[in-house]
N, C-alpha and C. Protein backbone atom coordinates (compact mmCIF):
# COMPACT_ATOMS: atom_id res chain seq x y z
N MET A 1 235.02 12.97 71.37
CA MET A 1 234.46 11.91 72.16
C MET A 1 234.27 12.34 73.61
N ALA A 2 235.20 13.11 74.15
CA ALA A 2 235.10 13.57 75.53
C ALA A 2 233.87 14.46 75.71
N LYS A 3 233.58 15.28 74.69
CA LYS A 3 232.41 16.16 74.78
C LYS A 3 231.12 15.35 74.84
N GLY A 4 231.01 14.30 74.03
CA GLY A 4 229.84 13.43 74.04
C GLY A 4 229.68 12.72 75.37
N LYS A 5 230.79 12.29 75.95
CA LYS A 5 230.77 11.61 77.25
C LYS A 5 230.29 12.57 78.34
N LYS A 6 230.74 13.81 78.25
CA LYS A 6 230.35 14.83 79.23
C LYS A 6 228.85 15.09 79.16
N ILE A 7 228.30 15.14 77.94
CA ILE A 7 226.87 15.38 77.77
C ILE A 7 226.08 14.21 78.36
N VAL A 8 226.54 13.00 78.12
CA VAL A 8 225.87 11.82 78.67
C VAL A 8 225.92 11.85 80.20
N GLU A 9 227.08 12.20 80.76
CA GLU A 9 227.22 12.28 82.22
C GLU A 9 226.28 13.34 82.80
N MET A 10 226.17 14.48 82.12
CA MET A 10 225.30 15.54 82.61
C MET A 10 223.82 15.12 82.51
N ALA A 11 223.47 14.44 81.44
CA ALA A 11 222.08 13.98 81.28
C ALA A 11 221.75 12.95 82.35
N LEU A 12 222.70 12.05 82.63
CA LEU A 12 222.49 11.05 83.66
C LEU A 12 222.34 11.71 85.03
N ALA A 13 223.18 12.69 85.32
CA ALA A 13 223.11 13.40 86.60
C ALA A 13 221.77 14.12 86.73
N ALA A 14 221.33 14.75 85.65
CA ALA A 14 220.05 15.46 85.68
C ALA A 14 218.89 14.49 85.91
N ALA A 15 218.95 13.33 85.26
CA ALA A 15 217.89 12.34 85.44
C ALA A 15 217.88 11.82 86.88
N LEU A 16 219.05 11.57 87.42
CA LEU A 16 219.13 11.10 88.81
C LEU A 16 218.60 12.15 89.77
N PHE A 17 218.97 13.41 89.54
CA PHE A 17 218.50 14.50 90.39
C PHE A 17 216.98 14.62 90.31
N ALA A 18 216.44 14.55 89.10
CA ALA A 18 214.98 14.65 88.93
C ALA A 18 214.29 13.51 89.65
N GLY A 19 214.83 12.31 89.57
CA GLY A 19 214.25 11.16 90.27
C GLY A 19 214.29 11.36 91.77
N CYS A 20 215.41 11.85 92.28
CA CYS A 20 215.52 12.11 93.72
C CYS A 20 214.58 13.22 94.15
N ALA A 21 214.48 14.26 93.36
CA ALA A 21 213.58 15.37 93.71
C ALA A 21 212.14 14.88 93.76
N GLY A 22 211.74 14.02 92.84
CA GLY A 22 210.40 13.47 92.86
C GLY A 22 210.15 12.65 94.11
N THR A 23 211.16 11.92 94.54
CA THR A 23 211.04 11.12 95.76
C THR A 23 210.87 12.02 96.97
N VAL A 24 211.62 13.12 97.02
CA VAL A 24 211.52 14.05 98.14
C VAL A 24 210.13 14.65 98.19
N VAL A 25 209.58 15.05 97.04
CA VAL A 25 208.24 15.62 97.02
C VAL A 25 207.23 14.60 97.51
N ALA A 26 207.35 13.35 97.03
CA ALA A 26 206.43 12.30 97.46
C ALA A 26 206.54 12.08 98.96
N GLN A 27 207.76 12.08 99.49
CA GLN A 27 207.94 11.92 100.93
C GLN A 27 207.34 13.10 101.68
N ASP A 28 207.50 14.31 101.15
CA ASP A 28 206.93 15.49 101.80
C ASP A 28 205.41 15.39 101.85
N VAL A 29 204.79 14.93 100.77
CA VAL A 29 203.34 14.78 100.73
C VAL A 29 202.91 13.72 101.75
N ALA A 30 203.59 12.59 101.73
CA ALA A 30 203.25 11.51 102.68
C ALA A 30 203.45 11.98 104.12
N GLY A 31 204.54 12.71 104.36
CA GLY A 31 204.80 13.23 105.70
C GLY A 31 203.76 14.23 106.14
N ALA A 32 203.32 15.07 105.20
CA ALA A 32 202.30 16.07 105.51
C ALA A 32 200.98 15.39 105.85
N ILE A 33 200.62 14.38 105.08
CA ILE A 33 199.37 13.67 105.34
C ILE A 33 199.44 12.97 106.70
N THR A 34 200.56 12.34 106.98
CA THR A 34 200.75 11.67 108.27
C THR A 34 200.67 12.67 109.41
N ALA A 35 201.32 13.82 109.25
CA ALA A 35 201.32 14.85 110.31
C ALA A 35 199.92 15.39 110.57
N ARG A 36 199.17 15.64 109.51
CA ARG A 36 197.83 16.20 109.74
C ARG A 36 196.87 15.15 110.29
N LYS A 37 197.03 13.89 109.92
CA LYS A 37 196.20 12.84 110.52
C LYS A 37 196.49 12.73 112.02
N ALA A 38 197.77 12.79 112.37
CA ALA A 38 198.15 12.72 113.79
C ALA A 38 197.60 13.92 114.55
N ALA A 39 197.65 15.10 113.93
CA ALA A 39 197.14 16.31 114.57
C ALA A 39 195.63 16.20 114.80
N MET A 40 194.90 15.73 113.79
CA MET A 40 193.44 15.61 113.94
C MET A 40 193.09 14.54 114.97
N LYS A 41 193.90 13.50 115.08
CA LYS A 41 193.64 12.48 116.11
C LYS A 41 193.74 13.11 117.49
N GLN A 42 194.74 13.98 117.69
CA GLN A 42 194.91 14.67 118.97
C GLN A 42 193.76 15.65 119.22
N VAL A 43 193.30 16.31 118.17
CA VAL A 43 192.14 17.21 118.32
C VAL A 43 190.94 16.40 118.77
N GLY A 44 190.74 15.24 118.16
CA GLY A 44 189.62 14.37 118.54
C GLY A 44 189.70 13.93 119.99
N ILE A 45 190.89 13.56 120.43
CA ILE A 45 191.08 13.13 121.82
C ILE A 45 190.76 14.28 122.77
N ALA A 46 191.27 15.46 122.46
CA ALA A 46 191.02 16.63 123.32
C ALA A 46 189.55 17.04 123.30
N SER A 47 188.90 16.84 122.15
CA SER A 47 187.49 17.22 122.01
C SER A 47 186.55 16.38 122.85
N VAL A 48 186.95 15.16 123.16
CA VAL A 48 186.10 14.29 123.97
C VAL A 48 185.78 14.96 125.30
N LYS A 49 186.75 15.64 125.87
CA LYS A 49 186.54 16.32 127.16
C LYS A 49 185.46 17.38 127.07
N LEU A 50 185.32 17.99 125.89
CA LEU A 50 184.35 19.08 125.74
C LEU A 50 182.91 18.60 125.88
N ARG A 51 182.68 17.30 125.72
CA ARG A 51 181.33 16.76 125.82
C ARG A 51 181.00 16.26 127.24
N SER A 52 181.95 16.40 128.14
CA SER A 52 181.74 15.94 129.51
C SER A 52 180.85 16.91 130.27
N PRO A 53 179.81 16.42 130.93
CA PRO A 53 178.95 17.32 131.72
C PRO A 53 179.68 17.92 132.92
N SER A 54 180.79 17.30 133.31
CA SER A 54 181.55 17.81 134.46
C SER A 54 182.82 18.53 134.02
N LEU A 55 182.80 19.10 132.82
CA LEU A 55 183.96 19.83 132.30
C LEU A 55 184.29 21.01 133.20
N THR A 56 185.51 21.05 133.68
CA THR A 56 185.96 22.16 134.52
C THR A 56 186.63 23.23 133.67
N GLY A 57 186.80 24.40 134.25
CA GLY A 57 187.49 25.47 133.55
C GLY A 57 188.91 25.07 133.18
N ALA A 58 189.61 24.41 134.10
CA ALA A 58 190.99 23.99 133.84
C ALA A 58 191.05 22.99 132.69
N ASP A 59 190.13 22.03 132.70
CA ASP A 59 190.10 21.05 131.62
C ASP A 59 189.75 21.71 130.29
N ALA A 60 188.82 22.64 130.31
CA ALA A 60 188.43 23.34 129.09
C ALA A 60 189.59 24.16 128.54
N ARG A 61 190.29 24.86 129.42
CA ARG A 61 191.44 25.67 128.97
C ARG A 61 192.53 24.77 128.38
N ALA A 62 192.80 23.64 129.02
CA ALA A 62 193.81 22.71 128.50
C ALA A 62 193.37 22.17 127.14
N ALA A 63 192.09 21.81 127.02
CA ALA A 63 191.58 21.30 125.75
C ALA A 63 191.67 22.38 124.66
N GLY A 64 191.32 23.62 125.00
CA GLY A 64 191.40 24.71 124.04
C GLY A 64 192.80 24.94 123.52
N THR A 65 193.77 24.88 124.44
CA THR A 65 195.17 25.05 124.05
C THR A 65 195.61 23.90 123.16
N ASN A 66 195.28 22.68 123.57
CA ASN A 66 195.66 21.49 122.81
C ASN A 66 195.02 21.48 121.42
N ILE A 67 193.73 21.74 121.37
CA ILE A 67 193.03 21.76 120.08
C ILE A 67 193.60 22.87 119.20
N GLY A 68 193.85 24.02 119.78
CA GLY A 68 194.42 25.13 119.01
C GLY A 68 195.78 24.79 118.42
N ASN A 69 196.65 24.20 119.23
CA ASN A 69 197.99 23.84 118.75
C ASN A 69 197.92 22.80 117.63
N HIS A 70 197.09 21.80 117.81
CA HIS A 70 197.01 20.73 116.80
C HIS A 70 196.28 21.18 115.55
N THR A 71 195.35 22.11 115.68
CA THR A 71 194.69 22.66 114.50
C THR A 71 195.70 23.44 113.65
N LYS A 72 196.60 24.16 114.31
CA LYS A 72 197.65 24.88 113.58
C LYS A 72 198.57 23.91 112.87
N THR A 73 198.92 22.80 113.54
CA THR A 73 199.77 21.78 112.91
C THR A 73 199.06 21.20 111.69
N PHE A 74 197.78 20.91 111.83
CA PHE A 74 196.99 20.38 110.71
C PHE A 74 197.05 21.36 109.54
N ALA A 75 196.73 22.62 109.80
CA ALA A 75 196.66 23.62 108.74
C ALA A 75 198.01 23.85 108.07
N ALA A 76 199.10 23.64 108.80
CA ALA A 76 200.44 23.84 108.24
C ALA A 76 200.88 22.67 107.37
N ASN A 77 200.11 21.60 107.34
CA ASN A 77 200.51 20.40 106.59
C ASN A 77 199.53 20.10 105.45
N LEU A 78 199.27 21.12 104.66
CA LEU A 78 198.38 20.97 103.51
C LEU A 78 199.04 21.45 102.22
N PRO A 79 200.22 20.90 101.90
CA PRO A 79 200.85 21.36 100.65
C PRO A 79 200.04 20.94 99.44
N LYS A 80 200.13 21.70 98.39
CA LYS A 80 199.43 21.38 97.15
C LYS A 80 199.88 19.98 96.72
N GLY A 81 198.92 19.18 96.31
CA GLY A 81 199.22 17.82 95.88
C GLY A 81 199.06 16.78 96.98
N SER A 82 198.62 17.23 98.18
CA SER A 82 198.48 16.28 99.29
C SER A 82 197.02 15.93 99.57
N GLY A 83 196.18 16.21 98.60
CA GLY A 83 194.77 15.83 98.72
C GLY A 83 194.55 14.46 98.09
N PRO A 84 193.33 14.19 97.66
CA PRO A 84 193.02 12.89 97.07
C PRO A 84 193.89 12.55 95.85
N GLU A 85 194.34 13.57 95.14
CA GLU A 85 195.17 13.34 93.95
C GLU A 85 196.53 12.72 94.28
N SER A 86 196.89 12.73 95.56
CA SER A 86 198.17 12.15 95.98
C SER A 86 198.17 10.63 95.88
N GLY A 87 196.97 10.04 95.82
CA GLY A 87 196.88 8.60 95.80
C GLY A 87 196.95 7.98 97.19
N GLN A 88 197.11 8.82 98.20
CA GLN A 88 197.17 8.35 99.58
C GLN A 88 195.80 8.51 100.23
N THR A 89 195.58 7.76 101.28
CA THR A 89 194.31 7.84 101.98
C THR A 89 194.26 9.15 102.77
N THR A 90 193.30 9.98 102.43
CA THR A 90 193.11 11.26 103.12
C THR A 90 191.65 11.66 102.98
N LYS A 91 191.14 12.28 104.01
CA LYS A 91 189.76 12.78 103.96
C LYS A 91 189.71 14.25 103.57
N ALA A 92 190.86 14.85 103.31
CA ALA A 92 190.90 16.25 102.90
C ALA A 92 190.28 16.38 101.51
N LEU A 93 189.26 17.21 101.40
CA LEU A 93 188.60 17.42 100.12
C LEU A 93 189.36 18.43 99.27
N PRO A 94 189.27 18.34 97.95
CA PRO A 94 189.94 19.31 97.08
C PRO A 94 189.53 20.75 97.37
N ALA A 95 188.37 20.95 97.97
CA ALA A 95 187.90 22.31 98.27
C ALA A 95 188.88 23.08 99.15
N ILE A 96 189.70 22.38 99.92
CA ILE A 96 190.71 23.07 100.74
C ILE A 96 191.61 23.91 99.85
N TRP A 97 191.96 23.39 98.69
CA TRP A 97 192.87 24.08 97.79
C TRP A 97 192.14 24.91 96.76
N THR A 98 190.90 24.53 96.39
CA THR A 98 190.18 25.29 95.36
C THR A 98 189.35 26.43 95.94
N ASN A 99 189.10 26.38 97.25
CA ASN A 99 188.32 27.43 97.91
C ASN A 99 189.16 27.98 99.07
N ALA A 100 190.29 28.56 98.73
CA ALA A 100 191.23 29.04 99.73
C ALA A 100 190.60 30.07 100.67
N ALA A 101 189.76 30.93 100.15
CA ALA A 101 189.12 31.96 100.99
C ALA A 101 188.19 31.31 102.01
N GLY A 102 187.42 30.34 101.56
CA GLY A 102 186.53 29.63 102.48
C GLY A 102 187.30 28.85 103.52
N TRP A 103 188.37 28.20 103.09
CA TRP A 103 189.23 27.45 104.02
C TRP A 103 189.82 28.39 105.07
N LYS A 104 190.34 29.52 104.63
CA LYS A 104 190.93 30.48 105.56
C LYS A 104 189.88 30.99 106.54
N ALA A 105 188.69 31.24 106.07
CA ALA A 105 187.61 31.72 106.95
C ALA A 105 187.31 30.68 108.03
N GLU A 106 187.27 29.42 107.66
CA GLU A 106 187.02 28.35 108.64
C GLU A 106 188.17 28.27 109.65
N MET A 107 189.39 28.38 109.17
CA MET A 107 190.54 28.33 110.08
C MET A 107 190.56 29.54 111.02
N ASP A 108 190.17 30.69 110.50
CA ASP A 108 190.10 31.89 111.35
C ASP A 108 189.06 31.72 112.46
N LYS A 109 187.88 31.16 112.09
CA LYS A 109 186.83 30.91 113.10
C LYS A 109 187.33 29.91 114.14
N ALA A 110 187.99 28.86 113.68
CA ALA A 110 188.49 27.84 114.61
C ALA A 110 189.55 28.43 115.54
N THR A 111 190.45 29.22 114.99
CA THR A 111 191.52 29.83 115.79
C THR A 111 190.92 30.71 116.88
N LYS A 112 189.93 31.51 116.51
CA LYS A 112 189.28 32.40 117.46
C LYS A 112 188.56 31.61 118.56
N ALA A 113 187.82 30.58 118.16
CA ALA A 113 187.08 29.76 119.14
C ALA A 113 188.04 29.00 120.06
N ASN A 114 189.11 28.45 119.49
CA ASN A 114 190.09 27.72 120.31
C ASN A 114 190.76 28.65 121.32
N ALA A 115 191.10 29.85 120.88
CA ALA A 115 191.74 30.83 121.78
C ALA A 115 190.79 31.22 122.91
N ALA A 116 189.51 31.40 122.59
CA ALA A 116 188.53 31.76 123.63
C ALA A 116 188.39 30.62 124.64
N LEU A 117 188.37 29.39 124.16
CA LEU A 117 188.27 28.25 125.06
C LEU A 117 189.51 28.15 125.94
N ALA A 118 190.67 28.43 125.37
CA ALA A 118 191.92 28.35 126.12
C ALA A 118 192.00 29.39 127.23
N LYS A 119 191.14 30.42 127.16
CA LYS A 119 191.14 31.49 128.17
C LYS A 119 189.84 31.56 128.98
N VAL A 120 188.99 30.56 128.82
CA VAL A 120 187.67 30.60 129.45
C VAL A 120 187.78 30.65 130.98
N SER A 121 186.83 31.31 131.59
CA SER A 121 186.79 31.40 133.06
C SER A 121 186.30 30.08 133.64
N ASP A 122 186.10 30.06 134.93
CA ASP A 122 185.58 28.86 135.60
C ASP A 122 184.05 28.86 135.67
N ASP A 123 183.41 29.86 135.10
CA ASP A 123 181.95 29.94 135.09
C ASP A 123 181.37 28.83 134.21
N PRO A 124 180.52 27.96 134.76
CA PRO A 124 179.98 26.84 133.99
C PRO A 124 179.29 27.25 132.68
N ALA A 125 178.56 28.35 132.70
CA ALA A 125 177.88 28.80 131.48
C ALA A 125 178.89 29.23 130.41
N ALA A 126 179.94 29.91 130.84
CA ALA A 126 180.98 30.34 129.91
C ALA A 126 181.73 29.13 129.34
N ILE A 127 181.99 28.15 130.18
CA ILE A 127 182.67 26.93 129.72
C ILE A 127 181.83 26.23 128.67
N LYS A 128 180.55 26.08 128.95
CA LYS A 128 179.63 25.39 128.04
C LYS A 128 179.56 26.14 126.70
N ALA A 129 179.45 27.46 126.75
CA ALA A 129 179.36 28.25 125.53
C ALA A 129 180.65 28.18 124.70
N ALA A 130 181.79 28.26 125.36
CA ALA A 130 183.07 28.21 124.65
C ALA A 130 183.30 26.83 124.04
N ALA A 131 182.95 25.78 124.77
CA ALA A 131 183.09 24.41 124.26
C ALA A 131 182.17 24.21 123.05
N ALA A 132 180.96 24.72 123.13
CA ALA A 132 180.01 24.59 122.02
C ALA A 132 180.51 25.34 120.78
N ALA A 133 181.15 26.50 121.00
CA ALA A 133 181.68 27.28 119.87
C ALA A 133 182.79 26.50 119.16
N VAL A 134 183.66 25.86 119.92
CA VAL A 134 184.73 25.06 119.31
C VAL A 134 184.11 23.89 118.53
N SER A 135 183.19 23.20 119.14
CA SER A 135 182.53 22.07 118.46
C SER A 135 181.85 22.53 117.17
N ALA A 136 181.23 23.69 117.20
CA ALA A 136 180.55 24.20 116.01
C ALA A 136 181.54 24.50 114.89
N THR A 137 182.72 25.02 115.23
CA THR A 137 183.71 25.29 114.18
C THR A 137 184.22 23.98 113.58
N CYS A 138 184.36 22.96 114.41
CA CYS A 138 184.79 21.65 113.89
C CYS A 138 183.76 21.13 112.89
N THR A 139 182.51 21.15 113.28
CA THR A 139 181.43 20.66 112.43
C THR A 139 181.36 21.44 111.12
N SER A 140 181.44 22.75 111.21
CA SER A 140 181.36 23.60 110.03
C SER A 140 182.48 23.29 109.05
N CYS A 141 183.68 23.18 109.55
CA CYS A 141 184.84 22.90 108.69
C CYS A 141 184.73 21.50 108.08
N HIS A 142 184.40 20.52 108.90
CA HIS A 142 184.29 19.15 108.38
C HIS A 142 183.19 19.03 107.34
N ASP A 143 182.09 19.74 107.52
CA ASP A 143 181.02 19.70 106.53
C ASP A 143 181.47 20.18 105.16
N LYS A 144 182.39 21.13 105.13
CA LYS A 144 182.81 21.74 103.86
C LYS A 144 184.09 21.14 103.29
N PHE A 145 184.99 20.69 104.17
CA PHE A 145 186.34 20.36 103.71
C PHE A 145 186.83 18.95 104.03
N ARG A 146 185.96 18.10 104.59
CA ARG A 146 186.36 16.74 104.96
C ARG A 146 185.40 15.74 104.32
N ALA A 147 185.98 14.72 103.71
CA ALA A 147 185.16 13.65 103.13
C ALA A 147 184.49 12.88 104.25
N LYS A 148 183.29 12.43 104.00
CA LYS A 148 182.54 11.67 105.01
C LYS A 148 183.07 10.27 105.12
């Protein structure tokens, strides 16, 4: 009888652990989606400055740093299962996970453009070109990997 009781206790413990593990995964997915939405909101706020006709070098460099940091946060919060299949509201398209090479290429372009903007000189033409390059990487990535 003691052996049967032990098996039941072990099965119950395993079921409880599995239930808890599922909850942790769900929380991780929800947390990842929340983190990347917050990061993209900050990218959007910083990007507004890039459209200003009076954009200064200092403002452009600050925006480049901010956009770069938040883009990294966004990219770090894309665990498998956190796309539309999660059942949560997200604009991340499945292509992020099914086209990893394309996704990486877009992130590499964005990283390079953000870094250039973060180091741009005070020359108005250079500022305009660097801001346009960042905006172009945003558009390119959203066209391929973000739901409309």
